[in-house]
Amino acid sequence: MSELEKNAWLSFKDLVKNFLGNTQAKNYTEIVQKLLESYKTLGCIMSIMQIPKDGTTKFKKHQNSDCHKDAFERHIQLPQQTKDAGESLSAAHSEEKINNRHQLLTILRSIHFLALQGLPLRDHDDSQSNFIQILKLYGQSDESILKWMEKKTMKFTSADMQNEILQVMAPGILRQVAKNIRDDGFFTIMADETTDQSNREQVVIVLRHVDSDLTVYEEFTGLYVVPSIDAQTLTH
């Protein structure tokens, strides 16, 4: 900051403190004059407007004019009564994200429950499947999930989405099964094969173990497509 800029700043502070505040110094004319001179030195065009005797009357007349009312409405009232378009869009987007997250968590809980119970998610008629029925059960206490299911797209309820979610959950469930088997100490592997409608050979793997209370558990671990069902293929 140059010396001239510093003098202008100090004169402005002096004016605020001794003229524009609650107290007015006796030498306020000198303070104002000093401010004008310091800013003129910087190249600013400064002057003092003299208010005529009927200035108050003119101000009141202007206050009641249409142009003043229009300016007041544009710059004071409208900003208080309306929101910026960007802010409105941002708020709507944030609300949409919260709702999407809420519905996705409901769907995840439903799939997780059915997976833990070893129950199928889908049926020949999807509208009667376990997955859809448990979502409708949630809808009895939370109607938002019912409105969500009425959507045409982006519902996270398709067969592909169910499979993808199960693939994400599977490692955690398998780790829990492995821990239970390690704690029990003994287990057996049961395998059975079946042929689907497209004539593909599939093998079901189930782990059977008994805990310390002699409770028997049969853990379904997967259904796998195999090129052959001979002993060499199944054991490798």
C-alpha atoms as a PDB file:
ATOM      1  CA  MET A   1       0.000   0.000   0.000  1.00  0.00           C
ATOM      2  CA  SER A   2       1.425   3.384  -1.039  1.00  0.00           C
ATOM      3  CA  GLU A   3       1.577   6.410   1.261  1.00  0.00           C
ATOM      4  CA  LEU A   4      -1.283   8.122  -0.591  1.00  0.00           C
ATOM      5  CA  GLU A   5      -3.483   5.006  -0.322  1.00  0.00           C
ATOM      6  CA  LYS A   6      -2.634   4.694   3.360  1.00  0.00           C
ATOM      7  CA  ASN A   7      -3.633   8.347   4.023  1.00  0.00           C
ATOM      8  CA  ALA A   8      -6.932   7.818   2.174  1.00  0.00           C
ATOM      9  CA  TRP A   9      -7.668   4.689   4.226  1.00  0.00           C
ATOM     10  CA  LEU A  10      -6.861   6.404   7.529  1.00  0.00           C
ATOM     11  CA  SER A  11      -9.035   9.403   6.646  1.00  0.00           C
ATOM     12  CA  PHE A  12     -11.906   7.042   5.824  1.00  0.00           C
ATOM     13  CA  LYS A  13     -11.544   5.258   9.183  1.00  0.00           C
ATOM     14  CA  ASP A  14     -11.499   8.646  10.914  1.00  0.00           C
ATOM     15  CA  LEU A  15     -14.698   9.639   9.113  1.00  0.00           C
ATOM     16  CA  VAL A  16     -16.487   6.422  10.087  1.00  0.00           C
ATOM     17  CA  LYS A  17     -15.480   6.777  13.724  1.00  0.00           C
ATOM     18  CA  ASN A  18     -16.120  10.496  14.234  1.00  0.00           C
ATOM     19  CA  PHE A  19     -18.913  11.306  11.769  1.00  0.00           C
ATOM     20  CA  LEU A  20     -20.867   8.306  10.489  1.00  0.00           C
ATOM     21  CA  GLY A  21     -21.127   6.560  13.870  1.00  0.00           C
ATOM     22  CA  ASN A  22     -23.266   7.312  16.917  1.00  0.00           C
ATOM     23  CA  THR A  23     -21.047  10.270  17.889  1.00  0.00           C
ATOM     24  CA  GLN A  24     -20.212  13.278  15.763  1.00  0.00           C
ATOM     25  CA  ALA A  25     -16.969  15.163  16.404  1.00  0.00           C
ATOM     26  CA  LYS A  26     -17.020  18.948  16.624  1.00  0.00           C
ATOM     27  CA  ASN A  27     -14.477  19.188  13.802  1.00  0.00           C
ATOM     28  CA  TYR A  28     -16.439  16.889  11.500  1.00  0.00           C
ATOM     29  CA  THR A  29     -16.170  19.414   8.654  1.00  0.00           C
ATOM     30  CA  GLU A  30     -12.383  19.153   8.807  1.00  0.00           C
ATOM     31  CA  ILE A  31     -12.620  15.347   8.849  1.00  0.00           C
ATOM     32  CA  VAL A  32     -14.868  15.302   5.784  1.00  0.00           C
ATOM     33  CA  GLN A  33     -12.652  17.803   3.978  1.00  0.00           C
ATOM     34  CA  LYS A  34      -9.575  15.714   4.758  1.00  0.00           C
ATOM     35  CA  LEU A  35     -11.283  12.646   3.282  1.00  0.00           C
ATOM     36  CA  LEU A  36     -12.173  14.505   0.095  1.00  0.00           C
ATOM     37  CA  GLU A  37      -8.662  15.841  -0.343  1.00  0.00           C
ATOM     38  CA  SER A  38      -7.007  12.461   0.258  1.00  0.00           C
ATOM     39  CA  TYR A  39      -9.234  10.746  -2.323  1.00  0.00           C
ATOM     40  CA  LYS A  40      -8.780  13.569  -4.820  1.00  0.00           C
ATOM     41  CA  THR A  41      -5.033  13.020  -4.481  1.00  0.00           C
ATOM     42  CA  LEU A  42      -5.630   9.431  -5.650  1.00  0.00           C
ATOM     43  CA  GLY A  43      -7.445  10.761  -8.715  1.00  0.00           C
ATOM     44  CA  CYS A  44     -10.993  10.225  -7.448  1.00  0.00           C
ATOM     45  CA  ILE A  45     -13.710  12.770  -8.246  1.00  0.00           C
ATOM     46  CA  MET A  46     -15.260  13.652  -4.881  1.00  0.00           C
ATOM     47  CA  SER A  47     -17.933  16.185  -3.990  1.00  0.00           C
ATOM     48  CA  ILE A  48     -20.554  16.862  -1.314  1.00  0.00           C
ATOM     49  CA  MET A  49     -24.196  17.087  -2.275  1.00  0.00           C
ATOM     50  CA  GLN A  50     -26.000  19.855  -0.507  1.00  0.00           C
ATOM     51  CA  ILE A  51     -29.493  18.794   0.543  1.00  0.00           C
ATOM     52  CA  PRO A  52     -32.052  21.580  -0.010  1.00  0.00           C
ATOM     53  CA  LYS A  53     -34.425  22.661   2.724  1.00  0.00           C
ATOM     54  CA  ASP A  54     -37.297  20.754   1.157  1.00  0.00           C
ATOM     55  CA  GLY A  55     -35.125  17.676   0.649  1.00  0.00           C
ATOM     56  CA  THR A  56     -37.154  15.563   3.111  1.00  0.00           C
ATOM     57  CA  THR A  57     -40.358  16.342   1.225  1.00  0.00           C
ATOM     58  CA  LYS A  58     -38.758  15.353  -2.063  1.00  0.00           C
ATOM     59  CA  PHE A  59     -37.447  12.128  -0.571  1.00  0.00           C
ATOM     60  CA  LYS A  60     -40.929  11.216   0.644  1.00  0.00           C
ATOM     61  CA  LYS A  61     -42.370  12.049  -2.769  1.00  0.00           C
ATOM     62  CA  HIS A  62     -39.808   9.797  -4.431  1.00  0.00           C
ATOM     63  CA  GLN A  63     -40.561   7.050  -1.909  1.00  0.00           C
ATOM     64  CA  ASN A  64     -44.207   7.032  -3.022  1.00  0.00           C
ATOM     65  CA  SER A  65     -43.362   7.074  -6.725  1.00  0.00           C
ATOM     66  CA  ASP A  66     -43.911   4.050  -8.979  1.00  0.00           C
ATOM     67  CA  CYS A  67     -40.249   3.807  -9.953  1.00  0.00           C
ATOM     68  CA  HIS A  68     -39.177   3.589  -6.292  1.00  0.00           C
ATOM     69  CA  LYS A  69     -41.818   0.959  -5.502  1.00  0.00           C
ATOM     70  CA  ASP A  70     -40.790  -1.072  -8.546  1.00  0.00           C
ATOM     71  CA  ALA A  71     -37.101  -0.915  -7.574  1.00  0.00           C
ATOM     72  CA  PHE A  72     -37.937  -1.831  -3.972  1.00  0.00           C
ATOM     73  CA  GLU A  73     -39.951  -4.847  -5.123  1.00  0.00           C
ATOM     74  CA  ARG A  74     -37.218  -6.043  -7.507  1.00  0.00           C
ATOM     75  CA  HIS A  75     -34.251  -5.704  -5.167  1.00  0.00           C
ATOM     76  CA  ILE A  76     -35.748  -6.176  -1.678  1.00  0.00           C
ATOM     77  CA  GLN A  77     -39.000  -8.119  -1.742  1.00  0.00           C
ATOM     78  CA  LEU A  78     -38.446 -10.563  -4.611  1.00  0.00           C
ATOM     79  CA  PRO A  79     -35.105 -11.945  -3.298  1.00  0.00           C
ATOM     80  CA  GLN A  80     -36.791 -12.630   0.045  1.00  0.00           C
ATOM     81  CA  GLN A  81     -39.870 -14.295  -1.450  1.00  0.00           C
ATOM     82  CA  THR A  82     -38.240 -16.329  -4.222  1.00  0.00           C
ATOM     83  CA  LYS A  83     -35.272 -18.676  -4.468  1.00  0.00           C
ATOM     84  CA  ASP A  84     -32.472 -18.786  -6.954  1.00  0.00           C
ATOM     85  CA  ALA A  85     -33.102 -21.343  -9.713  1.00  0.00           C
ATOM     86  CA  GLY A  86     -29.735 -22.968  -9.072  1.00  0.00           C
ATOM     87  CA  GLU A  87     -30.472 -23.330  -5.371  1.00  0.00           C
ATOM     88  CA  SER A  88     -33.901 -24.821  -6.093  1.00  0.00           C
ATOM     89  CA  LEU A  89     -32.446 -27.361  -8.527  1.00  0.00           C
ATOM     90  CA  SER A  90     -29.702 -28.242  -6.076  1.00  0.00           C
ATOM     91  CA  ALA A  91     -32.218 -28.752  -3.260  1.00  0.00           C
ATOM     92  CA  ALA A  92     -34.399 -30.954  -5.489  1.00  0.00           C
ATOM     93  CA  HIS A  93     -31.347 -33.001  -6.536  1.00  0.00           C
ATOM     94  CA  SER A  94     -30.305 -33.437  -2.909  1.00  0.00           C
ATOM     95  CA  GLU A  95     -33.812 -34.574  -1.952  1.00  0.00           C
ATOM     96  CA  GLU A  96     -33.850 -37.028  -4.853  1.00  0.00           C
ATOM     97  CA  LYS A  97     -30.530 -38.534  -3.740  1.00  0.00           C
ATOM     98  CA  ILE A  98     -31.833 -38.984  -0.184  1.00  0.00           C
ATOM     99  CA  ASN A  99     -34.949 -40.769  -1.467  1.00  0.00           C
ATOM    100  CA  ASN A 100     -32.938 -42.989  -3.851  1.00  0.00           C
ATOM    101  CA  ARG A 101     -30.609 -43.985  -1.017  1.00  0.00           C
ATOM    102  CA  HIS A 102     -33.546 -44.769   1.273  1.00  0.00           C
ATOM    103  CA  GLN A 103     -35.228 -47.025  -1.301  1.00  0.00           C
ATOM    104  CA  LEU A 104     -31.969 -48.773  -2.205  1.00  0.00           C
ATOM    105  CA  LEU A 105     -31.336 -49.591   1.452  1.00  0.00           C
ATOM    106  CA  THR A 106     -34.833 -51.109   1.698  1.00  0.00           C
ATOM    107  CA  ILE A 107     -34.115 -53.246  -1.376  1.00  0.00           C
ATOM    108  CA  LEU A 108     -30.735 -54.314   0.022  1.00  0.00           C
ATOM    109  CA  ARG A 109     -32.291 -55.331   3.352  1.00  0.00           C
ATOM    110  CA  SER A 110     -34.937 -57.388   1.538  1.00  0.00           C
ATOM    111  CA  ILE A 111     -32.406 -59.247  -0.610  1.00  0.00           C
ATOM    112  CA  HIS A 112     -30.108 -59.758   2.388  1.00  0.00           C
ATOM    113  CA  PHE A 113     -32.951 -61.277   4.429  1.00  0.00           C
ATOM    114  CA  LEU A 114     -34.005 -63.670   1.666  1.00  0.00           C
ATOM    115  CA  ALA A 115     -30.387 -64.698   1.055  1.00  0.00           C
ATOM    116  CA  LEU A 116     -29.780 -65.427   4.733  1.00  0.00           C
ATOM    117  CA  GLN A 117     -32.952 -67.531   4.892  1.00  0.00           C
ATOM    118  CA  GLY A 118     -32.016 -69.415   1.725  1.00  0.00           C
ATOM    119  CA  LEU A 119     -35.257 -68.351   0.037  1.00  0.00           C
ATOM    120  CA  PRO A 120     -35.573 -67.742  -3.719  1.00  0.00           C
ATOM    121  CA  LEU A 121     -36.005 -64.137  -4.793  1.00  0.00           C
ATOM    122  CA  ARG A 122     -37.864 -64.756  -8.047  1.00  0.00           C
ATOM    123  CA  ASP A 123     -40.789 -66.871  -9.197  1.00  0.00           C
ATOM    124  CA  HIS A 124     -42.409 -67.724 -12.517  1.00  0.00           C
ATOM    125  CA  ASP A 125     -44.601 -64.697 -11.866  1.00  0.00           C
ATOM    126  CA  ASP A 126     -42.362 -61.877 -10.626  1.00  0.00           C
ATOM    127  CA  SER A 127     -45.297 -60.004  -9.138  1.00  0.00           C
ATOM    128  CA  GLN A 128     -45.770 -62.923  -6.708  1.00  0.00           C
ATOM    129  CA  SER A 129     -42.074 -63.474  -5.960  1.00  0.00           C
ATOM    130  CA  ASN A 130     -40.709 -63.402  -2.426  1.00  0.00           C
ATOM    131  CA  PHE A 131     -38.699 -60.302  -3.254  1.00  0.00           C
ATOM    132  CA  ILE A 132     -41.686 -58.256  -4.433  1.00  0.00           C
ATOM    133  CA  GLN A 133     -43.873 -59.494  -1.595  1.00  0.00           C
ATOM    134  CA  ILE A 134     -41.382 -58.467   1.080  1.00  0.00           C
ATOM    135  CA  LEU A 135     -41.129 -55.012  -0.517  1.00  0.00           C
ATOM    136  CA  LYS A 136     -44.911 -54.750  -0.351  1.00  0.00           C
ATOM    137  CA  LEU A 137     -44.673 -55.729   3.306  1.00  0.00           C
ATOM    138  CA  TYR A 138     -42.297 -52.824   3.868  1.00  0.00           C
ATOM    139  CA  GLY A 139     -44.842 -50.664   2.065  1.00  0.00           C
ATOM    140  CA  GLN A 140     -47.390 -51.199   4.828  1.00  0.00           C
ATOM    141  CA  SER A 141     -45.302 -48.974   7.099  1.00  0.00           C
ATOM    142  CA  ASP A 142     -43.521 -46.924   4.418  1.00  0.00           C
ATOM    143  CA  GLU A 143     -45.647 -46.000   1.405  1.00  0.00           C
ATOM    144  CA  SER A 144     -42.679 -44.427  -0.379  1.00  0.00           C
ATOM    145  CA  ILE A 145     -41.423 -47.885  -1.415  1.00  0.00           C
ATOM    146  CA  LEU A 146     -44.791 -48.592  -3.089  1.00  0.00           C
ATOM    147  CA  LYS A 147     -44.527 -45.358  -5.086  1.00  0.00           C
ATOM    148  CA  TRP A 148     -40.959 -46.335  -5.970  1.00  0.00           C
ATOM    149  CA  MET A 149     -42.126 -49.697  -7.361  1.00  0.00           C
ATOM    150  CA  GLU A 150     -44.535 -47.882  -9.689  1.00  0.00           C
ATOM    151  CA  LYS A 151     -41.593 -46.357 -11.570  1.00  0.00           C
ATOM    152  CA  LYS A 152     -40.901 -47.657 -15.060  1.00  0.00           C
ATOM    153  CA  THR A 153     -37.102 -47.534 -14.873  1.00  0.00           C
ATOM    154  CA  MET A 154     -34.242 -47.206 -12.384  1.00  0.00           C
ATOM    155  CA  LYS A 155     -35.985 -49.166  -9.627  1.00  0.00           C
ATOM    156  CA  PHE A 156     -33.000 -51.408  -8.734  1.00  0.00           C
ATOM    157  CA  THR A 157     -35.390 -54.384  -8.706  1.00  0.00           C
ATOM    158  CA  SER A 158     -34.563 -56.102 -12.012  1.00  0.00           C
ATOM    159  CA  ALA A 159     -33.216 -59.659 -12.117  1.00  0.00           C
ATOM    160  CA  ASP A 160     -29.788 -58.412 -13.202  1.00  0.00           C
ATOM    161  CA  MET A 161     -29.686 -55.956 -10.297  1.00  0.00           C
ATOM    162  CA  GLN A 162     -30.723 -58.693  -7.838  1.00  0.00           C
ATOM    163  CA  ASN A 163     -27.927 -60.944  -9.102  1.00  0.00           C
ATOM    164  CA  GLU A 164     -25.378 -58.147  -8.886  1.00  0.00           C
ATOM    165  CA  ILE A 165     -26.358 -57.323  -5.299  1.00  0.00           C
ATOM    166  CA  LEU A 166     -26.181 -61.000  -4.349  1.00  0.00           C
ATOM    167  CA  GLN A 167     -22.692 -61.253  -5.849  1.00  0.00           C
ATOM    168  CA  VAL A 168     -21.604 -58.321  -3.698  1.00  0.00           C
ATOM    169  CA  MET A 169     -23.151 -59.880  -0.568  1.00  0.00           C
ATOM    170  CA  ALA A 170     -21.972 -63.447  -1.251  1.00  0.00           C
ATOM    171  CA  PRO A 171     -18.363 -63.130   0.029  1.00  0.00           C
ATOM    172  CA  GLY A 172     -19.544 -61.791   3.386  1.00  0.00           C
ATOM    173  CA  ILE A 173     -22.079 -64.599   3.811  1.00  0.00           C
ATOM    174  CA  LEU A 174     -19.546 -67.248   2.774  1.00  0.00           C
ATOM    175  CA  ARG A 175     -17.008 -65.882   5.271  1.00  0.00           C
ATOM    176  CA  GLN A 176     -19.598 -66.198   8.040  1.00  0.00           C
ATOM    177  CA  VAL A 177     -20.405 -69.784   6.982  1.00  0.00           C
ATOM    178  CA  ALA A 178     -16.695 -70.659   6.908  1.00  0.00           C
ATOM    179  CA  LYS A 179     -16.250 -69.205  10.406  1.00  0.00           C
ATOM    180  CA  ASN A 180     -19.145 -71.274  11.758  1.00  0.00           C
ATOM    181  CA  ILE A 181     -17.712 -74.450  10.192  1.00  0.00           C
ATOM    182  CA  ARG A 182     -14.262 -73.730  11.665  1.00  0.00           C
ATOM    183  CA  ASP A 183     -15.827 -73.278  15.108  1.00  0.00           C
ATOM    184  CA  ASP A 184     -17.752 -76.570  14.796  1.00  0.00           C
ATOM    185  CA  GLY A 185     -14.722 -78.482  13.526  1.00  0.00           C
ATOM    186  CA  PHE A 186     -16.461 -81.101  11.352  1.00  0.00           C
ATOM    187  CA  PHE A 187     -18.462 -80.775   8.148  1.00  0.00           C
ATOM    188  CA  THR A 188     -19.485 -82.673   5.062  1.00  0.00           C
ATOM    189  CA  ILE A 189     -19.978 -81.620   1.454  1.00  0.00           C
ATOM    190  CA  MET A 190     -23.187 -82.563  -0.311  1.00  0.00           C
ATOM    191  CA  ALA A 191     -23.477 -82.219  -4.079  1.00  0.00           C
ATOM    192  CA  ASP A 192     -26.274 -82.900  -6.488  1.00  0.00           C
ATOM    193  CA  GLU A 193     -26.675 -82.266 -10.181  1.00  0.00           C
ATOM    194  CA  THR A 194     -29.592 -81.159 -12.303  1.00  0.00           C
ATOM    195  CA  THR A 195     -30.211 -80.182 -15.904  1.00  0.00           C
ATOM    196  CA  ASP A 196     -31.957 -76.885 -16.681  1.00  0.00           C
ATOM    197  CA  GLN A 197     -34.365 -76.183 -19.530  1.00  0.00           C
ATOM    198  CA  SER A 198     -31.504 -75.289 -21.883  1.00  0.00           C
ATOM    199  CA  ASN A 199     -29.948 -78.721 -21.215  1.00  0.00           C
ATOM    200  CA  ARG A 200     -27.017 -77.322 -19.210  1.00  0.00           C
ATOM    201  CA  GLU A 201     -25.590 -79.405 -16.396  1.00  0.00           C
ATOM    202  CA  GLN A 202     -25.619 -77.637 -13.015  1.00  0.00           C
ATOM    203  CA  VAL A 203     -24.260 -78.760  -9.667  1.00  0.00           C
ATOM    204  CA  VAL A 204     -25.579 -77.668  -6.269  1.00  0.00           C
ATOM    205  CA  ILE A 205     -23.046 -77.492  -3.412  1.00  0.00           C
ATOM    206  CA  VAL A 206     -24.274 -77.642   0.204  1.00  0.00           C
ATOM    207  CA  LEU A 207     -22.108 -77.678   3.337  1.00  0.00           C
ATOM    208  CA  ARG A 208     -23.539 -79.630   6.294  1.00  0.00           C
ATOM    209  CA  HIS A 209     -22.218 -79.152   9.839  1.00  0.00           C
ATOM    210  CA  VAL A 210     -23.324 -79.662  13.438  1.00  0.00           C
ATOM    211  CA  ASP A 211     -22.654 -77.246  16.288  1.00  0.00           C
ATOM    212  CA  SER A 212     -21.908 -78.006  19.947  1.00  0.00           C
ATOM    213  CA  ASP A 213     -25.639 -78.189  20.724  1.00  0.00           C
ATOM    214  CA  LEU A 214     -26.059 -80.884  18.054  1.00  0.00           C
ATOM    215  CA  THR A 215     -28.019 -78.494  15.842  1.00  0.00           C
ATOM    216  CA  VAL A 216     -27.673 -79.442  12.185  1.00  0.00           C
ATOM    217  CA  TYR A 217     -27.026 -76.717   9.592  1.00  0.00           C
ATOM    218  CA  GLU A 218     -27.137 -77.106   5.826  1.00  0.00           C
ATOM    219  CA  GLU A 219     -25.575 -74.112   4.081  1.00  0.00           C
ATOM    220  CA  PHE A 220     -26.320 -73.678   0.391  1.00  0.00           C
ATOM    221  CA  THR A 221     -23.197 -72.178  -1.179  1.00  0.00           C
ATOM    222  CA  GLY A 222     -23.992 -72.055  -4.871  1.00  0.00           C
ATOM    223  CA  LEU A 223     -25.351 -73.457  -8.107  1.00  0.00           C
ATOM    224  CA  TYR A 224     -22.599 -73.960 -10.679  1.00  0.00           C
ATOM    225  CA  VAL A 225     -22.698 -74.749 -14.406  1.00  0.00           C
ATOM    226  CA  VAL A 226     -20.282 -77.582 -15.276  1.00  0.00           C
ATOM    227  CA  PRO A 227     -19.221 -79.029 -18.624  1.00  0.00           C
ATOM    228  CA  SER A 228     -19.655 -82.584 -17.300  1.00  0.00           C
ATOM    229  CA  ILE A 229     -20.946 -84.323 -14.220  1.00  0.00           C
ATOM    230  CA  ASP A 230     -18.320 -87.065 -14.050  1.00  0.00           C
ATOM    231  CA  ALA A 231     -16.260 -87.559 -10.892  1.00  0.00           C
ATOM    232  CA  GLN A 232     -13.089 -85.993 -12.286  1.00  0.00           C
ATOM    233  CA  THR A 233     -14.869 -82.744 -13.217  1.00  0.00           C
ATOM    234  CA  LEU A 234     -16.793 -82.458  -9.942  1.00  0.00           C
ATOM    235  CA  THR A 235     -13.736 -83.084  -7.725  1.00  0.00           C
ATOM    236  CA  HIS A 236     -11.603 -80.569  -9.548  1.00  0.00           C
END
